[in-house]
PDB file of N, CA and C in Angstrom:
ATOM      1  N   MET A   1      -3.430 -12.553  -4.136  1.00  0.00           N
ATOM      2  CA  MET A   1      -2.382 -12.836  -3.080  1.00  0.00           C
ATOM      3  C   MET A   1      -1.804 -11.062  -3.188  1.00  0.00           C
ATOM      4  N   ALA A   2      -1.634 -10.609  -4.082  1.00  0.00           N
ATOM      5  CA  ALA A   2      -0.829  -9.186  -4.397  1.00  0.00           C
ATOM      6  C   ALA A   2      -1.723  -8.270  -2.867  1.00  0.00           C
ATOM      7  N   ASN A   3      -2.866  -8.488  -3.363  1.00  0.00           N
ATOM      8  CA  ASN A   3      -3.526  -7.584  -1.686  1.00  0.00           C
ATOM      9  C   ASN A   3      -3.205  -7.643  -0.483  1.00  0.00           C
ATOM     10  N   THR A   4      -3.071  -9.242  -0.335  1.00  0.00           N
ATOM     11  CA  THR A   4      -2.537  -9.273   0.935  1.00  0.00           C
ATOM     12  C   THR A   4      -0.987  -9.085   1.306  1.00  0.00           C
ATOM     13  N   ILE A   5      -0.240  -9.076   0.334  1.00  0.00           N
ATOM     14  CA  ILE A   5       1.320  -8.914   0.517  1.00  0.00           C
ATOM     15  C   ILE A   5       1.496  -7.445   0.689  1.00  0.00           C
ATOM     16  N   THR A   6       0.707  -6.659   0.166  1.00  0.00           N
ATOM     17  CA  THR A   6       0.764  -5.119   0.089  1.00  0.00           C
ATOM     18  C   THR A   6      -0.132  -4.783   1.466  1.00  0.00           C
ATOM     19  N   PHE A   7      -1.194  -5.081   2.060  1.00  0.00           N
ATOM     20  CA  PHE A   7      -1.472  -5.015   3.031  1.00  0.00           C
ATOM     21  C   PHE A   7      -0.585  -5.140   4.121  1.00  0.00           C
ATOM     22  N   ILE A   8       0.257  -5.791   3.899  1.00  0.00           N
ATOM     23  CA  ILE A   8       1.021  -6.864   5.254  1.00  0.00           C
ATOM     24  C   ILE A   8       2.118  -5.786   5.168  1.00  0.00           C
ATOM     25  N   SER A   9       2.590  -5.285   3.733  1.00  0.00           N
ATOM     26  CA  SER A   9       4.090  -4.670   3.882  1.00  0.00           C
ATOM     27  C   SER A   9       3.612  -2.645   4.464  1.00  0.00           C
ATOM     28  N   CYS A  10       2.446  -2.888   3.778  1.00  0.00           N
ATOM     29  CA  CYS A  10       2.226  -1.083   4.429  1.00  0.00           C
ATOM     30  C   CYS A  10       1.586  -1.036   6.024  1.00  0.00           C
ATOM     31  N   GLY A  11       1.330  -2.426   6.362  1.00  0.00           N
ATOM     32  CA  GLY A  11       1.465  -2.063   7.904  1.00  0.00           C
ATOM     33  C   GLY A  11       2.248  -2.373   8.989  1.00  0.00           C
ATOM     34  N   VAL A  12       3.671  -3.000   7.855  1.00  0.00           N
ATOM     35  CA  VAL A  12       4.969  -2.991   8.923  1.00  0.00           C
ATOM     36  C   VAL A  12       5.467  -2.128   8.743  1.00  0.00           C
ATOM     37  N   LEU A  13       5.106  -1.493   6.875  1.00  0.00           N
ATOM     38  CA  LEU A  13       6.190  -0.137   7.128  1.00  0.00           C
ATOM     39  C   LEU A  13       5.849   1.081   8.006  1.00  0.00           C
ATOM     40  N   THR A  14       4.215   0.816   8.244  1.00  0.00           N
ATOM     41  CA  THR A  14       3.571   2.196   8.990  1.00  0.00           C
ATOM     42  C   THR A  14       4.109   2.142  10.464  1.00  0.00           C
ATOM     43  N   LEU A  15       4.262   0.788  10.866  1.00  0.00           N
ATOM     44  CA  LEU A  15       4.771   0.527  12.237  1.00  0.00           C
ATOM     45  C   LEU A  15       6.100   0.573  12.391  1.00  0.00           C
ATOM     46  N   LEU A  16       7.109   0.338  11.371  1.00  0.00           N
ATOM     47  CA  LEU A  16       8.245   0.603  11.515  1.00  0.00           C
ATOM     48  C   LEU A  16       8.338   2.504  11.310  1.00  0.00           C
ATOM     49  N   LEU A  17       7.750   2.767  10.743  1.00  0.00           N
ATOM     50  CA  LEU A  17       7.741   4.508  10.862  1.00  0.00           C
ATOM     51  C   LEU A  17       7.424   5.197  12.280  1.00  0.00           C
ATOM     52  N   LEU A  18       6.055   4.431  13.123  1.00  0.00           N
ATOM     53  CA  LEU A  18       5.628   5.044  14.362  1.00  0.00           C
ATOM     54  C   LEU A  18       6.521   4.292  15.265  1.00  0.00           C
ATOM     55  N   ILE A  19       7.584   3.393  14.954  1.00  0.00           N
ATOM     56  CA  ILE A  19       8.376   3.302  16.068  1.00  0.00           C
ATOM     57  C   ILE A  19       9.394   3.952  16.026  1.00  0.00           C
ATOM     58  N   ALA A  20      10.020   4.350  14.797  1.00  0.00           N
ATOM     59  CA  ALA A  20      11.010   5.769  14.644  1.00  0.00           C
ATOM     60  C   ALA A  20      10.397   6.646  15.341  1.00  0.00           C
ATOM     61  N   ILE A  21       9.557   7.543  15.147  1.00  0.00           N
ATOM     62  CA  ILE A  21       8.780   8.143  15.688  1.00  0.00           C
ATOM     63  C   ILE A  21       8.506   8.301  17.257  1.00  0.00           C
ATOM     64  N   MET A  22       8.602   7.196  17.358  1.00  0.00           N
ATOM     65  CA  MET A  22       8.514   6.953  19.356  1.00  0.00           C
ATOM     66  C   MET A  22       9.937   7.316  19.693  1.00  0.00           C
ATOM     67  N   PHE A  23      10.966   6.730  19.007  1.00  0.00           N
ATOM     68  CA  PHE A  23      12.151   6.214  19.743  1.00  0.00           C
ATOM     69  C   PHE A  23      12.862   8.034  19.354  1.00  0.00           C
ATOM     70  N   ALA A  24      12.944   8.193  18.114  1.00  0.00           N
ATOM     71  CA  ALA A  24      13.547   9.577  17.877  1.00  0.00           C
ATOM     72  C   ALA A  24      12.993  10.513  18.102  1.00  0.00           C
ATOM     73  N   GLY A  25      11.671  10.716  18.340  1.00  0.00           N
ATOM     74  CA  GLY A  25      11.531  12.121  18.821  1.00  0.00           C
ATOM     75  C   GLY A  25      10.774  12.669  18.076  1.00  0.00           C
ATOM     76  N   SER A  26       9.878  14.016  18.549  1.00  0.00           N
ATOM     77  CA  SER A  26       8.955  14.269  17.701  1.00  0.00           C
ATOM     78  C   SER A  26       9.409  15.220  16.422  1.00  0.00           C
ATOM     79  N   HIS A  27      10.701  15.282  16.036  1.00  0.00           N
ATOM     80  CA  HIS A  27      11.075  16.139  15.013  1.00  0.00           C
ATOM     81  C   HIS A  27      11.022  15.420  13.851  1.00  0.00           C
ATOM     82  N   LEU A  28      10.858  13.912  13.880  1.00  0.00           N
ATOM     83  CA  LEU A  28      10.656  13.117  12.775  1.00  0.00           C
ATOM     84  C   LEU A  28       9.002  12.717  12.528  1.00  0.00           C
ATOM     85  N   LEU A  29       8.382  13.848  13.310  1.00  0.00           N
ATOM     86  CA  LEU A  29       6.894  13.566  13.312  1.00  0.00           C
ATOM     87  C   LEU A  29       6.597  13.988  11.849  1.00  0.00           C
ATOM     88  N   LEU A  30       6.744  15.087  10.938  1.00  0.00           N
ATOM     89  CA  LEU A  30       6.502  15.193   9.778  1.00  0.00           C
ATOM     90  C   LEU A  30       6.871  14.886   8.835  1.00  0.00           C
ATOM     91  N   PRO A  31       7.851  14.473   8.454  1.00  0.00           N
ATOM     92  CA  PRO A  31       8.556  13.881   7.555  1.00  0.00           C
ATOM     93  C   PRO A  31       8.054  12.128   8.109  1.00  0.00           C
ATOM     94  N   ALA A  32       7.780  11.844   8.837  1.00  0.00           N
ATOM     95  CA  ALA A  32       7.175  10.587   8.451  1.00  0.00           C
ATOM     96  C   ALA A  32       5.833  10.264   8.739  1.00  0.00           C
ATOM     97  N   ILE A  33       4.916  11.229   9.082  1.00  0.00           N
ATOM     98  CA  ILE A  33       3.451  11.487   8.430  1.00  0.00           C
ATOM     99  C   ILE A  33       3.755  11.086   6.564  1.00  0.00           C
ATOM    100  N   PHE A  34       4.719  11.652   6.410  1.00  0.00           N
ATOM    101  CA  PHE A  34       4.434  12.369   4.764  1.00  0.00           C
ATOM    102  C   PHE A  34       4.966  10.993   4.288  1.00  0.00           C
ATOM    103  N   MET A  35       5.640  10.303   5.044  1.00  0.00           N
ATOM    104  CA  MET A  35       5.582   8.776   4.441  1.00  0.00           C
ATOM    105  C   MET A  35       4.980   8.259   4.407  1.00  0.00           C
ATOM    106  N   ILE A  36       4.244   8.247   5.464  1.00  0.00           N
ATOM    107  CA  ILE A  36       3.486   6.947   5.884  1.00  0.00           C
ATOM    108  C   ILE A  36       2.411   7.232   4.956  1.00  0.00           C
ATOM    109  N   VAL A  37       1.667   8.632   4.526  1.00  0.00           N
ATOM    110  CA  VAL A  37       0.764   8.639   3.879  1.00  0.00           C
ATOM    111  C   VAL A  37       1.301   8.159   2.052  1.00  0.00           C
ATOM    112  N   THR A  38       2.401   8.536   1.400  1.00  0.00           N
ATOM    113  CA  THR A  38       3.031   8.125   0.325  1.00  0.00           C
ATOM    114  C   THR A  38       2.680   6.272   0.281  1.00  0.00           C
ATOM    115  N   ILE A  39       3.303   5.638   1.733  1.00  0.00           N
ATOM    116  CA  ILE A  39       3.269   4.483   1.482  1.00  0.00           C
ATOM    117  C   ILE A  39       1.515   3.719   1.624  1.00  0.00           C
ATOM    118  N   LEU A  40       0.614   4.414   2.100  1.00  0.00           N
ATOM    119  CA  LEU A  40      -0.733   3.763   2.277  1.00  0.00           C
ATOM    120  C   LEU A  40      -1.230   4.219   1.007  1.00  0.00           C
ATOM    121  N   VAL A  41      -0.958   5.433   0.545  1.00  0.00           N
ATOM    122  CA  VAL A  41      -1.585   5.660  -1.081  1.00  0.00           C
ATOM    123  C   VAL A  41      -0.811   4.893  -1.871  1.00  0.00           C
ATOM    124  N   GLY A  42       0.338   4.673  -1.992  1.00  0.00           N
ATOM    125  CA  GLY A  42       0.858   3.887  -3.022  1.00  0.00           C
ATOM    126  C   GLY A  42       0.081   2.170  -2.906  1.00  0.00           C
ATOM    127  N   GLY A  43       0.138   1.636  -1.338  1.00  0.00           N
ATOM    128  CA  GLY A  43      -0.797   0.415  -1.193  1.00  0.00           C
ATOM    129  C   GLY A  43      -2.107   0.568  -1.656  1.00  0.00           C
ATOM    130  N   TYR A  44      -2.846   1.458  -2.095  1.00  0.00           N
ATOM    131  CA  TYR A  44      -4.042   1.688  -2.280  1.00  0.00           C
ATOM    132  C   TYR A  44      -4.297   1.573  -4.061  1.00  0.00           C
ATOM    133  N   CYS A  45      -3.237   2.423  -4.829  1.00  0.00           N
ATOM    134  CA  CYS A  45      -2.984   2.169  -5.792  1.00  0.00           C
ATOM    135  C   CYS A  45      -2.584   0.743  -6.210  1.00  0.00           C
ATOM    136  N   ILE A  46      -1.593   0.002  -5.388  1.00  0.00           N
ATOM    137  CA  ILE A  46      -1.976  -0.934  -6.189  1.00  0.00           C
ATOM    138  C   ILE A  46      -2.591  -2.039  -5.889  1.00  0.00           C
ATOM    139  N   TYR A  47      -3.846  -1.591  -5.003  1.00  0.00           N
ATOM    140  CA  TYR A  47      -4.596  -2.005  -4.702  1.00  0.00           C
ATOM    141  C   TYR A  47      -5.788  -2.300  -5.563  1.00  0.00           C
ATOM    142  N   ILE A  48      -5.645  -1.219  -6.478  1.00  0.00           N
ATOM    143  CA  ILE A  48      -6.802  -0.712  -7.728  1.00  0.00           C
ATOM    144  C   ILE A  48      -6.346  -1.339  -8.647  1.00  0.00           C
ATOM    145  N   ALA A  49      -4.903  -0.828  -9.059  1.00  0.00           N
ATOM    146  CA  ALA A  49      -4.175  -1.958 -10.265  1.00  0.00           C
ATOM    147  C   ALA A  49      -4.610  -3.076 -10.321  1.00  0.00           C
ATOM    148  N   ASP A  50      -4.291  -3.869  -9.271  1.00  0.00           N
ATOM    149  CA  ASP A  50      -4.859  -5.228  -9.219  1.00  0.00           C
ATOM    150  C   ASP A  50      -6.230  -5.817  -9.614  1.00  0.00           C
ATOM    151  N   GLY A  51      -6.998  -5.137  -8.926  1.00  0.00           N
ATOM    152  CA  GLY A  51      -8.394  -5.370  -9.501  1.00  0.00           C
ATOM    153  C   GLY A  51      -8.660  -5.186 -10.926  1.00  0.00           C
ATOM    154  N   MET A  52      -8.094  -3.879 -11.557  1.00  0.00           N
ATOM    155  CA  MET A  52      -8.152  -3.343 -12.760  1.00  0.00           C
ATOM    156  C   MET A  52      -8.092  -4.625 -13.783  1.00  0.00           C
ATOM    157  N   ILE A  53      -6.279  -5.321 -13.315  1.00  0.00           N
ATOM    158  CA  ILE A  53      -5.656  -6.289 -14.199  1.00  0.00           C
ATOM    159  C   ILE A  53      -6.606  -7.494 -13.869  1.00  0.00           C
ATOM    160  N   LYS A  54      -7.719  -7.917 -12.881  1.00  0.00           N
ATOM    161  CA  LYS A  54      -8.098  -9.123 -12.833  1.00  0.00           C
ATOM    162  C   LYS A  54      -9.861  -8.758 -13.749  1.00  0.00           C
ATOM    163  N   GLN A  55      -9.842  -7.802 -13.513  1.00  0.00           N
ATOM    164  CA  GLN A  55     -11.250  -7.259 -14.607  1.00  0.00           C
ATOM    165  C   GLN A  55     -10.932  -7.233 -15.917  1.00  0.00           C
ATOM    166  N   ARG A  56      -9.731  -6.905 -16.111  1.00  0.00           N
ATOM    167  CA  ARG A  56      -9.562  -7.272 -17.651  1.00  0.00           C
ATOM    168  C   ARG A  56      -9.276  -8.685 -18.263  1.00  0.00           C
ATOM    169  N   ALA A  57      -8.431  -9.643 -17.210  1.00  0.00           N
ATOM    170  CA  ALA A  57      -8.466 -10.717 -17.855  1.00  0.00           C
ATOM    171  C   ALA A  57     -10.005 -11.586 -17.737  1.00  0.00           C
ATOM    172  N   GLU A  58     -10.933 -11.243 -16.913  1.00  0.00           N
ATOM    173  CA  GLU A  58     -12.211 -11.669 -17.011  1.00  0.00           C
ATOM    174  C   GLU A  58     -12.559 -11.177 -18.192  1.00  0.00           C
ATOM    175  N   ILE A  59     -12.866  -9.977 -18.742  1.00  0.00           N
ATOM    176  CA  ILE A  59     -13.563  -9.362 -19.354  1.00  0.00           C
ATOM    177  C   ILE A  59     -12.616 -10.065 -20.911  1.00  0.00           C
ATOM    178  N   MET A  60     -11.343 -10.327 -20.919  1.00  0.00           N
ATOM    179  CA  MET A  60     -11.160 -10.516 -22.118  1.00  0.00           C
ATOM    180  C   MET A  60     -11.204 -12.157 -22.218  1.00  0.00           C
ATOM    181  N   LYS A  61     -11.061 -13.015 -21.297  1.00  0.00           N
ATOM    182  CA  LYS A  61     -11.757 -14.454 -21.089  1.00  0.00           C
ATOM    183  C   LYS A  61     -12.910 -14.624 -21.664  1.00  0.00           C
ATOM    184  N   LYS A  62     -14.044 -13.649 -21.523  1.00  0.00           N
ATOM    185  CA  LYS A  62     -15.929 -13.585 -21.652  1.00  0.00           C
ATOM    186  C   LYS A  62     -15.540 -13.779 -23.258  1.00  0.00           C
ATOM    187  N   TRP A  63     -14.987 -12.723 -23.894  1.00  0.00           N
ATOM    188  CA  TRP A  63     -14.647 -12.209 -25.002  1.00  0.00           C
ATOM    189  C   TRP A  63     -14.228 -12.888 -26.020  1.00  0.00           C
ATOM    190  N   GLU A  64     -13.572 -14.108 -25.625  1.00  0.00           N
ATOM    191  CA  GLU A  64     -12.716 -14.999 -26.585  1.00  0.00           C
ATOM    192  C   GLU A  64     -13.893 -16.334 -26.430  1.00  0.00           C
ATOM    193  N   ASP A  65     -14.513 -16.024 -25.405  1.00  0.00           N
ATOM    194  CA  ASP A  65     -15.743 -17.376 -25.474  1.00  0.00           C
ATOM    195  C   ASP A  65     -16.595 -17.135 -26.616  1.00  0.00           C
TER     196      ASP A  65
END
């Protein structure tokens, strides 16, 4: 569930920044691109961390049995 929420929120924020570029003009292009990249990298980090937590839980469960 966390991955779905992360992907949706990253997509929405990216669209909002692209809309801001369209309406405000090209002088926001570079900062908005950096913000978009930061959002996407953060979402990828959350995706990886969620996978690591799930794997750890599975390993701990197998270890206890």
